[in-house]
Amino acid sequence: MFTIEHEFDATVITLIDEGEDGLQEDLTISAFDDCITLEQVHPVTQEPMVISLSMGQLRDLAAALDLPEGSYRLERRKD
């Protein structure tokens, strides 16, 4: 399950882990103009953990999900 909210400066997506075994804490993804942040509460310390990705890193991650093992460099097409 997930929710999507449009705030003043970001779009916020919350992924809610559903099921029976091995459930993780909710994951909140905030999309800003210049970066994406992922935030999840650590299950033991209850402290929020935040990871920030540049837009280039996000592009590379999206591409990597559909590629086989290897090393890659994405290059932008010149239109």
C-alpha atoms as a PDB file:
ATOM      1  CA  MET A   1       0.000   0.000   0.000  1.00  0.00           C
ATOM      2  CA  PHE A   2       1.190   3.555  -0.587  1.00  0.00           C
ATOM      3  CA  THR A   3       0.006   7.128  -0.279  1.00  0.00           C
ATOM      4  CA  ILE A   4       0.859  10.186  -2.395  1.00  0.00           C
ATOM      5  CA  GLU A   5       0.610  13.741  -1.077  1.00  0.00           C
ATOM      6  CA  HIS A   6       1.484  16.961  -2.892  1.00  0.00           C
ATOM      7  CA  GLU A   7       2.931  19.509  -0.495  1.00  0.00           C
ATOM      8  CA  PHE A   8       4.151  23.062  -1.133  1.00  0.00           C
ATOM      9  CA  ASP A   9       7.747  22.115  -1.977  1.00  0.00           C
ATOM     10  CA  ALA A  10       7.645  18.348  -2.504  1.00  0.00           C
ATOM     11  CA  THR A  11       5.659  15.318  -3.522  1.00  0.00           C
ATOM     12  CA  VAL A  12       5.646  12.827  -0.656  1.00  0.00           C
ATOM     13  CA  ILE A  13       5.120   9.100  -1.213  1.00  0.00           C
ATOM     14  CA  THR A  14       4.794   6.768   1.769  1.00  0.00           C
ATOM     15  CA  LEU A  15       5.265   3.041   1.201  1.00  0.00           C
ATOM     16  CA  ILE A  16       3.510   0.922   3.827  1.00  0.00           C
ATOM     17  CA  ASP A  17       4.792  -2.638   4.182  1.00  0.00           C
ATOM     18  CA  GLU A  18       1.877  -5.068   4.344  1.00  0.00           C
ATOM     19  CA  GLY A  19       1.861  -8.776   4.912  1.00  0.00           C
ATOM     20  CA  GLU A  20       2.673 -11.150   7.720  1.00  0.00           C
ATOM     21  CA  ASP A  21       6.410 -11.831   8.039  1.00  0.00           C
ATOM     22  CA  GLY A  22       9.457  -9.568   7.986  1.00  0.00           C
ATOM     23  CA  LEU A  23       7.570  -6.285   7.832  1.00  0.00           C
ATOM     24  CA  GLN A  24       9.650  -3.111   7.606  1.00  0.00           C
ATOM     25  CA  GLU A  25       8.877   0.359   8.928  1.00  0.00           C
ATOM     26  CA  ASP A  26       7.059   2.755   6.575  1.00  0.00           C
ATOM     27  CA  LEU A  27       9.328   4.359   3.973  1.00  0.00           C
ATOM     28  CA  THR A  28       8.744   8.011   3.116  1.00  0.00           C
ATOM     29  CA  ILE A  29      10.060   9.318  -0.204  1.00  0.00           C
ATOM     30  CA  SER A  30      10.085  13.075  -0.728  1.00  0.00           C
ATOM     31  CA  ALA A  31      10.660  14.399  -4.244  1.00  0.00           C
ATOM     32  CA  PHE A  32      12.021  17.957  -4.393  1.00  0.00           C
ATOM     33  CA  ASP A  33      13.207  19.940  -7.416  1.00  0.00           C
ATOM     34  CA  ASP A  34      16.860  18.998  -6.927  1.00  0.00           C
ATOM     35  CA  CYS A  35      16.903  15.749  -4.927  1.00  0.00           C
ATOM     36  CA  ILE A  36      14.961  12.810  -3.552  1.00  0.00           C
ATOM     37  CA  THR A  37      15.058  11.857   0.128  1.00  0.00           C
ATOM     38  CA  LEU A  38      14.182   8.479   1.612  1.00  0.00           C
ATOM     39  CA  GLU A  39      13.349   8.350   5.317  1.00  0.00           C
ATOM     40  CA  GLN A  40      12.683   5.334   7.517  1.00  0.00           C
ATOM     41  CA  VAL A  41      12.624   4.948  11.297  1.00  0.00           C
ATOM     42  CA  HIS A  42      15.229   2.470  12.575  1.00  0.00           C
ATOM     43  CA  PRO A  43      13.287  -0.373  14.235  1.00  0.00           C
ATOM     44  CA  VAL A  44      15.651  -0.635  17.243  1.00  0.00           C
ATOM     45  CA  THR A  45      16.721   2.955  17.971  1.00  0.00           C
ATOM     46  CA  GLN A  46      13.512   4.579  16.681  1.00  0.00           C
ATOM     47  CA  GLU A  47      15.731   7.269  15.118  1.00  0.00           C
ATOM     48  CA  PRO A  48      14.923   8.441  11.594  1.00  0.00           C
ATOM     49  CA  MET A  49      17.439   7.427   8.926  1.00  0.00           C
ATOM     50  CA  VAL A  50      17.600   9.692   5.870  1.00  0.00           C
ATOM     51  CA  ILE A  51      19.236   9.078   2.503  1.00  0.00           C
ATOM     52  CA  SER A  52      19.419  11.819  -0.120  1.00  0.00           C
ATOM     53  CA  LEU A  53      19.781  11.038  -3.846  1.00  0.00           C
ATOM     54  CA  SER A  54      20.617  13.527  -6.574  1.00  0.00           C
ATOM     55  CA  MET A  55      18.419  13.467  -9.647  1.00  0.00           C
ATOM     56  CA  GLY A  56      21.303  11.775 -11.523  1.00  0.00           C
ATOM     57  CA  GLN A  57      21.507   9.034  -8.899  1.00  0.00           C
ATOM     58  CA  LEU A  58      17.753   8.533  -9.120  1.00  0.00           C
ATOM     59  CA  ARG A  59      17.981   8.228 -12.925  1.00  0.00           C
ATOM     60  CA  ASP A  60      20.786   5.659 -12.560  1.00  0.00           C
ATOM     61  CA  LEU A  61      18.809   3.691  -9.959  1.00  0.00           C
ATOM     62  CA  ALA A  62      15.740   3.557 -12.201  1.00  0.00           C
ATOM     63  CA  ALA A  63      17.861   2.273 -15.097  1.00  0.00           C
ATOM     64  CA  ALA A  64      19.701  -0.253 -12.903  1.00  0.00           C
ATOM     65  CA  LEU A  65      16.465  -1.969 -11.921  1.00  0.00           C
ATOM     66  CA  ASP A  66      16.096  -3.265 -15.487  1.00  0.00           C
ATOM     67  CA  LEU A  67      19.712  -4.133 -16.325  1.00  0.00           C
ATOM     68  CA  PRO A  68      21.778  -7.302 -15.799  1.00  0.00           C
ATOM     69  CA  GLU A  69      24.910  -7.453 -13.642  1.00  0.00           C
ATOM     70  CA  GLY A  70      27.690  -5.154 -14.858  1.00  0.00           C
ATOM     71  CA  SER A  71      29.076  -1.622 -14.822  1.00  0.00           C
ATOM     72  CA  TYR A  72      27.247   1.117 -16.705  1.00  0.00           C
ATOM     73  CA  ARG A  73      27.324   4.848 -17.418  1.00  0.00           C
ATOM     74  CA  LEU A  74      24.202   6.538 -18.709  1.00  0.00           C
ATOM     75  CA  GLU A  75      24.709   9.359 -21.170  1.00  0.00           C
ATOM     76  CA  ARG A  76      22.098  11.914 -22.073  1.00  0.00           C
ATOM     77  CA  ARG A  77      21.060  12.110 -25.694  1.00  0.00           C
ATOM     78  CA  LYS A  78      21.705  15.408 -27.408  1.00  0.00           C
ATOM     79  CA  ASP A  79      18.503  16.509 -29.094  1.00  0.00           C
END
